Amino acid sequence: MNTLEYLFERNKEWAASVNESDPDFFTRLSKQQAPEYLWIGCSDSRVPANQIVSLPPGEVFVHRNIANIVVQTDINCLSVIQFAVEVLKVKHIVVCGHYGCGGIKAAIEDETDGVLENWLHHVKDVMRFNAAKLEGLTGQEELDMLCELNVIEQVMNVCKTSPVQTAWKNGAELSVHGWIYNIENGILKDLGTCDSEHDQLEH
């Protein structure tokens, strides 16, 4: 039986290294988490939230799924948002997609089936909503544009959730941001979709 023993060895090496550089690190970390950020990102193994923004454990509350989708029927995602907003009192929710997303590519190519097919229908909805913007685009250009449009759509979906709406009605300091990550150079891009209570009142 393969027990993945080498991962336990790597864990011990990592813990020892952290203790050597900061003996109180795990003691502090175990006391309480008080992150200011909720990160909703893609499950892609190349997009680790904490490392991208160079923040240590305890600073970012994270939810990830294929293609960083937020829908009102996903109890898992909604529970994460509610806990982050109501219990942790985060000040920022970041929806972060990435260029070259396999989930977005699969939705474009329309070659999936089973549960994944059902999940990616949400991306196909984004394609339908933005047909005019995608018209004439093909290949990498189409993929990159849809990755961005999907983030923007999911930001709007986060803003519509009841925990976020309730927080804004109660005057909470909470902003929702849409970012995209370039795996080829490690750089984040702000898509200019930040929403806050003030923005909602203007709308």
N, C-alpha and C. Protein backbone atom coordinates (compact mmCIF):
# COMPACT_ATOMS: atom_id res chain seq x y z
N MET A 1 0.85 -1.21 0.00
CA MET A 1 0.00 0.00 0.00
C MET A 1 0.88 1.25 0.00
N ASN A 2 0.55 2.17 -0.86
CA ASN A 2 1.29 3.43 -0.95
C ASN A 2 0.75 4.39 0.11
N THR A 3 1.57 4.73 1.10
CA THR A 3 1.11 5.57 2.20
C THR A 3 1.54 7.03 2.05
N LEU A 4 2.20 7.36 0.93
CA LEU A 4 2.69 8.72 0.70
C LEU A 4 3.60 9.20 1.83
N GLU A 5 4.42 8.29 2.32
CA GLU A 5 5.29 8.59 3.45
C GLU A 5 6.20 9.79 3.17
N TYR A 6 6.59 9.94 1.90
CA TYR A 6 7.51 11.03 1.57
C TYR A 6 6.88 12.40 1.83
N LEU A 7 5.55 12.49 1.75
CA LEU A 7 4.91 13.76 2.05
C LEU A 7 4.95 14.07 3.54
N PHE A 8 4.85 13.04 4.37
CA PHE A 8 5.00 13.24 5.82
C PHE A 8 6.42 13.69 6.16
N GLU A 9 7.39 13.14 5.45
CA GLU A 9 8.78 13.54 5.67
C GLU A 9 8.97 15.00 5.27
N ARG A 10 8.39 15.39 4.16
CA ARG A 10 8.49 16.78 3.71
C ARG A 10 7.81 17.71 4.71
N ASN A 11 6.69 17.24 5.28
CA ASN A 11 5.99 18.03 6.30
C ASN A 11 6.88 18.27 7.52
N LYS A 12 7.56 17.23 7.98
CA LYS A 12 8.44 17.37 9.13
C LYS A 12 9.58 18.34 8.84
N GLU A 13 10.13 18.25 7.65
CA GLU A 13 11.21 19.16 7.26
C GLU A 13 10.72 20.60 7.23
N TRP A 14 9.52 20.78 6.69
CA TRP A 14 8.95 22.14 6.62
C TRP A 14 8.70 22.69 8.02
N ALA A 15 8.07 21.92 8.89
CA ALA A 15 7.78 22.36 10.26
C ALA A 15 9.05 22.70 11.01
N ALA A 16 10.09 21.87 10.83
CA ALA A 16 11.36 22.12 11.49
C ALA A 16 11.99 23.41 10.99
N SER A 17 11.89 23.65 9.69
CA SER A 17 12.44 24.86 9.10
C SER A 17 11.75 26.11 9.61
N VAL A 18 10.40 26.04 9.72
CA VAL A 18 9.64 27.18 10.24
C VAL A 18 10.00 27.43 11.70
N ASN A 19 10.07 26.38 12.49
CA ASN A 19 10.42 26.52 13.91
C ASN A 19 11.80 27.12 14.11
N GLU A 20 12.70 26.76 13.21
CA GLU A 20 14.07 27.28 13.33
C GLU A 20 14.12 28.78 13.08
N SER A 21 13.36 29.23 12.10
CA SER A 21 13.37 30.65 11.76
C SER A 21 12.46 31.48 12.65
N ASP A 22 11.38 30.85 13.18
CA ASP A 22 10.43 31.57 14.04
C ASP A 22 9.84 30.59 15.05
N PRO A 23 10.48 30.43 16.20
CA PRO A 23 10.06 29.42 17.19
C PRO A 23 8.64 29.59 17.70
N ASP A 24 8.09 30.79 17.64
CA ASP A 24 6.73 31.03 18.15
C ASP A 24 5.66 30.99 17.07
N PHE A 25 6.04 30.67 15.84
CA PHE A 25 5.10 30.76 14.72
C PHE A 25 3.86 29.91 14.93
N PHE A 26 4.01 28.64 15.22
CA PHE A 26 2.86 27.75 15.33
C PHE A 26 2.03 28.05 16.57
N THR A 27 2.67 28.53 17.62
CA THR A 27 1.94 28.92 18.83
C THR A 27 1.01 30.08 18.52
N ARG A 28 1.54 31.08 17.82
CA ARG A 28 0.72 32.24 17.43
C ARG A 28 -0.39 31.82 16.49
N LEU A 29 -0.04 30.98 15.53
CA LEU A 29 -1.01 30.57 14.51
C LEU A 29 -2.17 29.79 15.11
N SER A 30 -1.91 29.01 16.16
CA SER A 30 -2.94 28.16 16.74
C SER A 30 -3.94 28.92 17.59
N LYS A 31 -3.61 30.14 17.99
CA LYS A 31 -4.47 30.89 18.90
C LYS A 31 -5.79 31.29 18.25
N GLN A 32 -5.71 31.92 17.06
CA GLN A 32 -6.92 32.43 16.42
C GLN A 32 -6.60 32.85 15.00
N GLN A 33 -7.57 32.70 14.10
CA GLN A 33 -7.38 33.24 12.76
C GLN A 33 -8.21 34.52 12.64
N ALA A 34 -7.60 35.54 12.06
CA ALA A 34 -8.29 36.81 11.89
C ALA A 34 -7.93 37.42 10.53
N PRO A 35 -8.19 36.68 9.46
CA PRO A 35 -7.82 37.19 8.13
C PRO A 35 -8.72 38.34 7.69
N GLU A 36 -8.17 39.23 6.90
CA GLU A 36 -8.96 40.33 6.33
C GLU A 36 -9.47 39.98 4.93
N TYR A 37 -9.00 38.84 4.40
CA TYR A 37 -9.30 38.52 3.01
C TYR A 37 -9.95 37.15 2.87
N LEU A 38 -10.99 37.09 2.05
CA LEU A 38 -11.53 35.82 1.56
C LEU A 38 -11.14 35.72 0.10
N TRP A 39 -10.48 34.63 -0.25
CA TRP A 39 -10.02 34.40 -1.62
C TRP A 39 -10.87 33.30 -2.23
N ILE A 40 -11.58 33.61 -3.31
CA ILE A 40 -12.34 32.61 -4.05
C ILE A 40 -11.62 32.40 -5.36
N GLY A 41 -10.98 31.24 -5.49
CA GLY A 41 -10.13 31.00 -6.65
C GLY A 41 -10.38 29.66 -7.30
N CYS A 42 -9.58 29.40 -8.31
CA CYS A 42 -9.68 28.14 -9.04
C CYS A 42 -8.90 27.05 -8.31
N SER A 43 -9.31 25.81 -8.46
CA SER A 43 -8.64 24.68 -7.83
C SER A 43 -7.30 24.34 -8.47
N ASP A 44 -6.97 24.97 -9.56
CA ASP A 44 -5.73 24.70 -10.29
C ASP A 44 -4.54 24.69 -9.33
N SER A 45 -3.73 23.65 -9.41
CA SER A 45 -2.60 23.47 -8.48
C SER A 45 -1.51 24.52 -8.65
N ARG A 46 -1.56 25.27 -9.75
CA ARG A 46 -0.54 26.28 -10.01
C ARG A 46 -0.91 27.66 -9.47
N VAL A 47 -2.06 27.74 -8.77
CA VAL A 47 -2.55 29.05 -8.31
C VAL A 47 -2.79 29.02 -6.80
N PRO A 48 -1.71 28.94 -5.98
CA PRO A 48 -1.86 28.93 -4.52
C PRO A 48 -2.07 30.34 -3.98
N ALA A 49 -3.18 30.57 -3.32
CA ALA A 49 -3.58 31.91 -2.90
C ALA A 49 -2.53 32.63 -2.06
N ASN A 50 -2.11 32.01 -0.95
CA ASN A 50 -1.17 32.68 -0.05
C ASN A 50 0.14 33.06 -0.72
N GLN A 51 0.67 32.14 -1.54
CA GLN A 51 1.96 32.39 -2.17
C GLN A 51 1.89 33.51 -3.19
N ILE A 52 0.80 33.59 -3.93
CA ILE A 52 0.67 34.61 -4.96
C ILE A 52 0.76 36.01 -4.39
N VAL A 53 0.15 36.22 -3.23
CA VAL A 53 0.15 37.54 -2.61
C VAL A 53 1.18 37.62 -1.47
N SER A 54 2.01 36.60 -1.34
CA SER A 54 3.10 36.56 -0.36
C SER A 54 2.63 36.86 1.05
N LEU A 55 1.58 36.13 1.48
CA LEU A 55 1.07 36.26 2.84
C LEU A 55 1.21 34.91 3.55
N PRO A 56 1.51 34.92 4.85
CA PRO A 56 1.71 33.67 5.59
C PRO A 56 0.38 33.00 5.92
N PRO A 57 0.41 31.74 6.38
CA PRO A 57 -0.81 31.07 6.84
C PRO A 57 -1.51 31.91 7.90
N GLY A 58 -2.85 31.92 7.84
CA GLY A 58 -3.63 32.67 8.80
C GLY A 58 -4.10 34.02 8.29
N GLU A 59 -3.57 34.45 7.13
CA GLU A 59 -3.90 35.77 6.61
C GLU A 59 -4.97 35.75 5.52
N VAL A 60 -5.20 34.59 4.92
CA VAL A 60 -6.16 34.49 3.81
C VAL A 60 -7.09 33.30 4.04
N PHE A 61 -8.39 33.55 4.06
CA PHE A 61 -9.40 32.48 4.13
C PHE A 61 -9.72 32.10 2.70
N VAL A 62 -9.68 30.81 2.38
CA VAL A 62 -9.68 30.39 0.97
C VAL A 62 -10.81 29.43 0.64
N HIS A 63 -11.44 29.68 -0.51
CA HIS A 63 -12.37 28.73 -1.11
C HIS A 63 -11.97 28.57 -2.57
N ARG A 64 -11.86 27.31 -3.02
CA ARG A 64 -11.45 27.08 -4.42
C ARG A 64 -12.34 26.03 -5.05
N ASN A 65 -12.62 26.22 -6.32
CA ASN A 65 -13.34 25.22 -7.11
C ASN A 65 -12.93 25.37 -8.57
N ILE A 66 -13.38 24.48 -9.41
CA ILE A 66 -13.02 24.54 -10.82
C ILE A 66 -13.61 25.80 -11.45
N ALA A 67 -12.74 26.64 -12.00
CA ALA A 67 -13.10 27.87 -12.71
C ALA A 67 -13.64 28.97 -11.80
N ASN A 68 -13.31 28.90 -10.50
CA ASN A 68 -13.67 29.96 -9.53
C ASN A 68 -15.11 30.47 -9.72
N ILE A 69 -16.05 29.55 -9.62
CA ILE A 69 -17.46 29.86 -9.87
C ILE A 69 -18.20 30.10 -8.55
N VAL A 70 -19.08 31.09 -8.56
CA VAL A 70 -19.94 31.38 -7.41
C VAL A 70 -21.39 31.34 -7.88
N VAL A 71 -22.15 30.38 -7.37
CA VAL A 71 -23.57 30.29 -7.74
C VAL A 71 -24.41 30.11 -6.48
N GLN A 72 -25.63 30.57 -6.56
CA GLN A 72 -26.50 30.59 -5.39
C GLN A 72 -26.92 29.19 -4.91
N THR A 73 -26.69 28.18 -5.72
CA THR A 73 -27.06 26.81 -5.35
C THR A 73 -25.90 26.03 -4.72
N ASP A 74 -24.72 26.64 -4.67
CA ASP A 74 -23.54 25.97 -4.11
C ASP A 74 -23.46 26.28 -2.61
N ILE A 75 -23.99 25.38 -1.80
CA ILE A 75 -24.04 25.59 -0.35
C ILE A 75 -22.64 25.68 0.24
N ASN A 76 -21.70 24.94 -0.32
CA ASN A 76 -20.33 24.98 0.16
C ASN A 76 -19.78 26.40 0.05
N CYS A 77 -19.85 26.97 -1.15
CA CYS A 77 -19.32 28.31 -1.37
C CYS A 77 -20.07 29.36 -0.55
N LEU A 78 -21.39 29.26 -0.50
CA LEU A 78 -22.18 30.23 0.25
C LEU A 78 -21.87 30.15 1.74
N SER A 79 -21.62 28.94 2.25
CA SER A 79 -21.27 28.79 3.66
C SER A 79 -19.92 29.43 3.95
N VAL A 80 -18.98 29.29 3.04
CA VAL A 80 -17.67 29.91 3.20
C VAL A 80 -17.82 31.43 3.24
N ILE A 81 -18.62 31.98 2.32
CA ILE A 81 -18.83 33.43 2.28
C ILE A 81 -19.48 33.91 3.57
N GLN A 82 -20.51 33.18 4.03
CA GLN A 82 -21.19 33.58 5.26
C GLN A 82 -20.24 33.55 6.45
N PHE A 83 -19.45 32.49 6.58
CA PHE A 83 -18.51 32.38 7.70
C PHE A 83 -17.47 33.50 7.64
N ALA A 84 -16.97 33.75 6.44
CA ALA A 84 -15.94 34.79 6.28
C ALA A 84 -16.48 36.17 6.63
N VAL A 85 -17.71 36.45 6.19
CA VAL A 85 -18.29 37.79 6.38
C VAL A 85 -18.82 37.97 7.80
N GLU A 86 -19.56 36.99 8.30
CA GLU A 86 -20.24 37.15 9.58
C GLU A 86 -19.39 36.79 10.80
N VAL A 87 -18.52 35.80 10.66
CA VAL A 87 -17.73 35.36 11.80
C VAL A 87 -16.32 35.97 11.78
N LEU A 88 -15.64 35.84 10.65
CA LEU A 88 -14.28 36.36 10.55
C LEU A 88 -14.23 37.86 10.30
N LYS A 89 -15.34 38.42 9.81
CA LYS A 89 -15.43 39.86 9.53
C LYS A 89 -14.36 40.31 8.53
N VAL A 90 -14.19 39.54 7.46
CA VAL A 90 -13.22 39.94 6.44
C VAL A 90 -13.63 41.28 5.84
N LYS A 91 -12.64 42.01 5.35
CA LYS A 91 -12.91 43.31 4.75
C LYS A 91 -12.86 43.27 3.22
N HIS A 92 -12.29 42.19 2.71
CA HIS A 92 -12.17 42.08 1.25
C HIS A 92 -12.47 40.66 0.80
N ILE A 93 -13.28 40.54 -0.24
CA ILE A 93 -13.48 39.26 -0.91
C ILE A 93 -12.87 39.39 -2.30
N VAL A 94 -11.93 38.50 -2.61
CA VAL A 94 -11.27 38.53 -3.91
C VAL A 94 -11.69 37.31 -4.71
N VAL A 95 -12.28 37.54 -5.88
CA VAL A 95 -12.52 36.45 -6.83
C VAL A 95 -11.34 36.49 -7.80
N CYS A 96 -10.54 35.43 -7.81
CA CYS A 96 -9.34 35.41 -8.64
C CYS A 96 -9.37 34.25 -9.63
N GLY A 97 -9.45 34.59 -10.90
CA GLY A 97 -9.33 33.59 -11.94
C GLY A 97 -7.90 33.56 -12.45
N HIS A 98 -7.66 32.79 -13.50
CA HIS A 98 -6.31 32.78 -14.08
C HIS A 98 -6.40 32.48 -15.57
N TYR A 99 -5.47 33.05 -16.31
CA TYR A 99 -5.41 32.79 -17.74
C TYR A 99 -5.04 31.32 -17.98
N GLY A 100 -5.56 30.76 -19.06
CA GLY A 100 -5.28 29.37 -19.38
C GLY A 100 -6.04 28.39 -18.51
N CYS A 101 -7.15 28.82 -17.92
CA CYS A 101 -7.92 27.97 -17.01
C CYS A 101 -8.48 26.75 -17.75
N GLY A 102 -8.19 25.57 -17.24
CA GLY A 102 -8.66 24.34 -17.88
C GLY A 102 -10.17 24.21 -17.88
N GLY A 103 -10.82 24.70 -16.81
CA GLY A 103 -12.28 24.64 -16.75
C GLY A 103 -12.92 25.52 -17.81
N ILE A 104 -12.38 26.71 -17.99
CA ILE A 104 -12.89 27.62 -19.01
C ILE A 104 -12.67 27.03 -20.40
N LYS A 105 -11.49 26.46 -20.61
CA LYS A 105 -11.17 25.84 -21.91
C LYS A 105 -12.12 24.69 -22.21
N ALA A 106 -12.42 23.88 -21.18
CA ALA A 106 -13.32 22.74 -21.36
C ALA A 106 -14.73 23.22 -21.73
N ALA A 107 -15.15 24.34 -21.15
CA ALA A 107 -16.48 24.89 -21.46
C ALA A 107 -16.54 25.37 -22.91
N ILE A 108 -15.46 25.99 -23.37
CA ILE A 108 -15.41 26.46 -24.76
C ILE A 108 -15.45 25.28 -25.73
N GLU A 109 -14.67 24.25 -25.44
CA GLU A 109 -14.57 23.10 -26.34
C GLU A 109 -15.78 22.19 -26.24
N ASP A 110 -16.56 22.30 -25.15
CA ASP A 110 -17.82 21.56 -25.00
C ASP A 110 -17.61 20.05 -25.17
N GLU A 111 -16.60 19.53 -24.50
CA GLU A 111 -16.30 18.10 -24.63
C GLU A 111 -16.36 17.37 -23.29
N THR A 112 -17.04 17.96 -22.29
CA THR A 112 -17.13 17.33 -20.98
C THR A 112 -18.45 16.58 -20.83
N ASP A 113 -18.51 15.74 -19.81
CA ASP A 113 -19.78 15.06 -19.50
C ASP A 113 -19.85 14.85 -18.00
N GLY A 114 -20.92 14.24 -17.54
CA GLY A 114 -21.09 13.94 -16.12
C GLY A 114 -21.25 15.18 -15.27
N VAL A 115 -20.77 15.09 -14.04
CA VAL A 115 -20.91 16.19 -13.09
C VAL A 115 -20.17 17.44 -13.57
N LEU A 116 -19.01 17.25 -14.18
CA LEU A 116 -18.25 18.39 -14.68
C LEU A 116 -19.03 19.17 -15.73
N GLU A 117 -19.74 18.46 -16.57
CA GLU A 117 -20.58 19.12 -17.57
C GLU A 117 -21.61 20.01 -16.89
N ASN A 118 -22.25 19.50 -15.83
CA ASN A 118 -23.24 20.30 -15.11
C ASN A 118 -22.60 21.56 -14.51
N TRP A 119 -21.42 21.38 -13.92
CA TRP A 119 -20.74 22.51 -13.27
C TRP A 119 -20.36 23.59 -14.28
N LEU A 120 -19.85 23.17 -15.43
CA LEU A 120 -19.36 24.12 -16.42
C LEU A 120 -20.48 24.80 -17.21
N HIS A 121 -21.71 24.38 -16.98
CA HIS A 121 -22.84 25.11 -17.58
C HIS A 121 -22.84 26.56 -17.11
N HIS A 122 -22.31 26.80 -15.91
CA HIS A 122 -22.25 28.17 -15.40
C HIS A 122 -21.30 29.02 -16.24
N VAL A 123 -20.22 28.43 -16.72
CA VAL A 123 -19.30 29.14 -17.60
C VAL A 123 -19.94 29.36 -18.97
N LYS A 124 -20.70 28.36 -19.42
CA LYS A 124 -21.38 28.51 -20.70
C LYS A 124 -22.43 29.62 -20.64
N ASP A 125 -23.02 29.82 -19.46
CA ASP A 125 -23.93 30.95 -19.27
C ASP A 125 -23.19 32.27 -19.45
N VAL A 126 -21.97 32.34 -18.91
CA VAL A 126 -21.16 33.55 -19.08
C VAL A 126 -20.87 33.79 -20.55
N MET A 127 -20.60 32.73 -21.30
CA MET A 127 -20.38 32.85 -22.74
C MET A 127 -21.62 33.42 -23.42
N ARG A 128 -22.78 32.92 -23.01
CA ARG A 128 -24.04 33.38 -23.61
C ARG A 128 -24.32 34.83 -23.27
N PHE A 129 -24.08 35.21 -22.01
CA PHE A 129 -24.32 36.59 -21.58
C PHE A 129 -23.42 37.58 -22.32
N ASN A 130 -22.24 37.11 -22.72
CA ASN A 130 -21.23 37.99 -23.31
C ASN A 130 -20.91 37.64 -24.76
N ALA A 131 -21.90 37.12 -25.45
CA ALA A 131 -21.68 36.66 -26.83
C ALA A 131 -21.13 37.77 -27.72
N ALA A 132 -21.60 38.99 -27.54
CA ALA A 132 -21.15 40.11 -28.38
C ALA A 132 -19.66 40.40 -28.16
N LYS A 133 -19.21 40.31 -26.91
CA LYS A 133 -17.80 40.59 -26.61
C LYS A 133 -16.88 39.47 -27.11
N LEU A 134 -17.40 38.26 -27.20
CA LEU A 134 -16.60 37.12 -27.63
C LEU A 134 -16.65 36.90 -29.13
N GLU A 135 -17.57 37.57 -29.80
CA GLU A 135 -17.76 37.38 -31.24
C GLU A 135 -16.48 37.68 -32.01
N GLY A 136 -16.09 36.74 -32.85
CA GLY A 136 -14.90 36.92 -33.69
C GLY A 136 -13.60 36.48 -33.04
N LEU A 137 -13.64 36.17 -31.74
CA LEU A 137 -12.42 35.74 -31.05
C LEU A 137 -12.26 34.22 -31.16
N THR A 138 -11.04 33.77 -31.28
CA THR A 138 -10.76 32.34 -31.34
C THR A 138 -9.48 32.04 -30.56
N GLY A 139 -9.26 30.76 -30.30
CA GLY A 139 -8.01 30.33 -29.69
C GLY A 139 -7.70 30.99 -28.36
N GLN A 140 -6.44 31.37 -28.18
CA GLN A 140 -5.99 31.93 -26.91
C GLN A 140 -6.68 33.24 -26.58
N GLU A 141 -6.97 34.03 -27.59
CA GLU A 141 -7.64 35.31 -27.37
C GLU A 141 -9.03 35.11 -26.79
N GLU A 142 -9.75 34.13 -27.32
CA GLU A 142 -11.08 33.83 -26.80
C GLU A 142 -10.99 33.29 -25.38
N LEU A 143 -10.03 32.40 -25.13
CA LEU A 143 -9.87 31.81 -23.81
C LEU A 143 -9.54 32.87 -22.77
N ASP A 144 -8.61 33.77 -23.10
CA ASP A 144 -8.22 34.82 -22.16
C ASP A 144 -9.39 35.75 -21.85
N MET A 145 -10.14 36.12 -22.88
CA MET A 145 -11.27 37.03 -22.68
C MET A 145 -12.34 36.36 -21.80
N LEU A 146 -12.61 35.09 -22.04
CA LEU A 146 -13.64 34.40 -21.25
C LEU A 146 -13.17 34.21 -19.81
N CYS A 147 -11.88 34.00 -19.60
CA CYS A 147 -11.36 33.90 -18.22
C CYS A 147 -11.64 35.20 -17.47
N GLU A 148 -11.46 36.34 -18.13
CA GLU A 148 -11.71 37.64 -17.51
C GLU A 148 -13.21 37.86 -17.29
N LEU A 149 -14.01 37.58 -18.30
CA LEU A 149 -15.46 37.78 -18.20
C LEU A 149 -16.06 36.90 -17.11
N ASN A 150 -15.51 35.70 -16.96
CA ASN A 150 -16.01 34.80 -15.92
C ASN A 150 -15.76 35.38 -14.53
N VAL A 151 -14.58 35.96 -14.32
CA VAL A 151 -14.28 36.59 -13.02
C VAL A 151 -15.27 37.71 -12.74
N ILE A 152 -15.51 38.55 -13.74
CA ILE A 152 -16.43 39.68 -13.57
C ILE A 152 -17.83 39.19 -13.21
N GLU A 153 -18.28 38.13 -13.86
CA GLU A 153 -19.61 37.56 -13.57
C GLU A 153 -19.66 37.02 -12.14
N GLN A 154 -18.59 36.36 -11.71
CA GLN A 154 -18.59 35.78 -10.37
C GLN A 154 -18.52 36.86 -9.29
N VAL A 155 -17.88 37.98 -9.58
CA VAL A 155 -17.89 39.11 -8.65
C VAL A 155 -19.33 39.59 -8.44
N MET A 156 -20.07 39.70 -9.54
CA MET A 156 -21.48 40.11 -9.43
C MET A 156 -22.28 39.10 -8.63
N ASN A 157 -21.97 37.82 -8.82
CA ASN A 157 -22.68 36.78 -8.07
C ASN A 157 -22.37 36.85 -6.58
N VAL A 158 -21.12 37.15 -6.22
CA VAL A 158 -20.76 37.32 -4.81
C VAL A 158 -21.55 38.47 -4.22
N CYS A 159 -21.64 39.57 -4.96
CA CYS A 159 -22.34 40.76 -4.47
C CYS A 159 -23.82 40.49 -4.22
N LYS A 160 -24.37 39.52 -4.92
CA LYS A 160 -25.80 39.21 -4.79
C LYS A 160 -26.09 38.26 -3.63
N THR A 161 -25.06 37.65 -3.05
CA THR A 161 -25.31 36.68 -1.97
C THR A 161 -25.88 37.39 -0.74
N SER A 162 -26.69 36.67 0.01
CA SER A 162 -27.34 37.28 1.18
C SER A 162 -26.35 37.73 2.25
N PRO A 163 -25.26 36.97 2.54
CA PRO A 163 -24.32 37.47 3.55
C PRO A 163 -23.70 38.81 3.19
N VAL A 164 -23.36 38.97 1.92
CA VAL A 164 -22.75 40.24 1.47
C VAL A 164 -23.77 41.36 1.49
N GLN A 165 -24.97 41.08 0.99
CA GLN A 165 -26.03 42.09 0.99
C GLN A 165 -26.36 42.53 2.42
N THR A 166 -26.46 41.57 3.33
CA THR A 166 -26.76 41.88 4.72
C THR A 166 -25.64 42.71 5.35
N ALA A 167 -24.41 42.33 5.06
CA ALA A 167 -23.27 43.07 5.61
C ALA A 167 -23.30 44.52 5.15
N TRP A 168 -23.58 44.74 3.88
CA TRP A 168 -23.64 46.12 3.37
C TRP A 168 -24.79 46.90 3.99
N LYS A 169 -25.93 46.23 4.16
CA LYS A 169 -27.07 46.92 4.79
C LYS A 169 -26.76 47.33 6.22
N ASN A 170 -25.90 46.54 6.88
CA ASN A 170 -25.52 46.84 8.26
C ASN A 170 -24.31 47.76 8.35
N GLY A 171 -23.85 48.25 7.20
CA GLY A 171 -22.76 49.21 7.19
C GLY A 171 -21.37 48.62 7.35
N ALA A 172 -21.21 47.34 7.06
CA ALA A 172 -19.90 46.69 7.20
C ALA A 172 -18.92 47.22 6.16
N GLU A 173 -17.67 47.28 6.57
CA GLU A 173 -16.60 47.66 5.66
C GLU A 173 -16.20 46.43 4.86
N LEU A 174 -16.75 46.29 3.67
CA LEU A 174 -16.54 45.09 2.86
C LEU A 174 -16.51 45.45 1.39
N SER A 175 -15.46 45.00 0.71
CA SER A 175 -15.32 45.23 -0.73
C SER A 175 -15.13 43.90 -1.44
N VAL A 176 -15.63 43.82 -2.67
CA VAL A 176 -15.50 42.61 -3.49
C VAL A 176 -14.68 42.97 -4.72
N HIS A 177 -13.63 42.20 -4.98
CA HIS A 177 -12.68 42.52 -6.04
C HIS A 177 -12.62 41.39 -7.07
N GLY A 178 -12.33 41.74 -8.30
CA GLY A 178 -12.12 40.76 -9.36
C GLY A 178 -10.71 40.86 -9.91
N TRP A 179 -9.93 39.79 -9.74
CA TRP A 179 -8.54 39.76 -10.20
C TRP A 179 -8.34 38.56 -11.12
N ILE A 180 -7.25 38.63 -11.90
CA ILE A 180 -6.86 37.47 -12.71
C ILE A 180 -5.35 37.31 -12.66
N TYR A 181 -4.92 36.07 -12.64
CA TYR A 181 -3.51 35.73 -12.44
C TYR A 181 -2.92 35.15 -13.72
N ASN A 182 -1.72 35.62 -14.04
CA ASN A 182 -1.02 35.11 -15.22
C ASN A 182 0.02 34.09 -14.78
N ILE A 183 -0.22 32.83 -15.05
CA ILE A 183 0.68 31.77 -14.62
C ILE A 183 2.04 31.90 -15.30
N GLU A 184 2.07 32.49 -16.49
CA GLU A 184 3.32 32.56 -17.24
C GLU A 184 4.33 33.53 -16.66
N ASN A 185 3.85 34.56 -15.91
CA ASN A 185 4.80 35.50 -15.31
C ASN A 185 4.57 35.75 -13.82
N GLY A 186 3.52 35.13 -13.23
CA GLY A 186 3.28 35.25 -11.80
C GLY A 186 2.63 36.56 -11.37
N ILE A 187 2.12 37.33 -12.33
CA ILE A 187 1.59 38.66 -12.02
C ILE A 187 0.06 38.66 -11.96
N LEU A 188 -0.46 39.35 -10.94
CA LEU A 188 -1.91 39.56 -10.80
C LEU A 188 -2.34 40.81 -11.55
N LYS A 189 -3.56 40.78 -12.06
CA LYS A 189 -4.15 41.94 -12.73
C LYS A 189 -5.50 42.24 -12.12
N ASP A 190 -5.72 43.48 -11.75
CA ASP A 190 -7.01 43.93 -11.23
C ASP A 190 -7.93 44.23 -12.41
N LEU A 191 -9.08 43.58 -12.46
CA LEU A 191 -10.01 43.78 -13.58
C LEU A 191 -10.93 44.97 -13.38
N GLY A 192 -10.70 45.73 -12.31
CA GLY A 192 -11.46 46.97 -12.11
C GLY A 192 -12.92 46.74 -11.80
N THR A 193 -13.21 45.67 -11.07
CA THR A 193 -14.61 45.34 -10.78
C THR A 193 -14.93 45.46 -9.29
N CYS A 194 -14.16 46.24 -8.56
CA CYS A 194 -14.36 46.35 -7.11
C CYS A 194 -15.74 46.90 -6.79
N ASP A 195 -16.43 46.23 -5.87
CA ASP A 195 -17.75 46.66 -5.42
C ASP A 195 -17.73 46.83 -3.92
N SER A 196 -18.43 47.86 -3.44
CA SER A 196 -18.57 48.09 -2.01
C SER A 196 -19.98 48.59 -1.75
N GLU A 197 -20.31 48.84 -0.50
CA GLU A 197 -21.63 49.35 -0.16
C GLU A 197 -21.89 50.67 -0.90
N HIS A 198 -20.89 51.52 -0.99
CA HIS A 198 -21.04 52.81 -1.67
C HIS A 198 -21.36 52.60 -3.15
N ASP A 199 -20.66 51.66 -3.78
CA ASP A 199 -20.91 51.36 -5.19
C ASP A 199 -22.32 50.84 -5.40
N GLN A 200 -22.79 49.99 -4.50
CA GLN A 200 -24.12 49.43 -4.62
C GLN A 200 -25.19 50.51 -4.51
N LEU A 201 -24.96 51.49 -3.61
CA LEU A 201 -25.91 52.57 -3.47
C LEU A 201 -25.96 53.42 -4.73
N GLU A 202 -24.79 53.62 -5.37
CA GLU A 202 -24.76 54.39 -6.61
C GLU A 202 -25.50 53.67 -7.73
N HIS A 203 -25.35 52.31 -7.76
CA HIS A 203 -26.05 51.53 -8.79
C HIS A 203 -27.57 51.65 -8.60
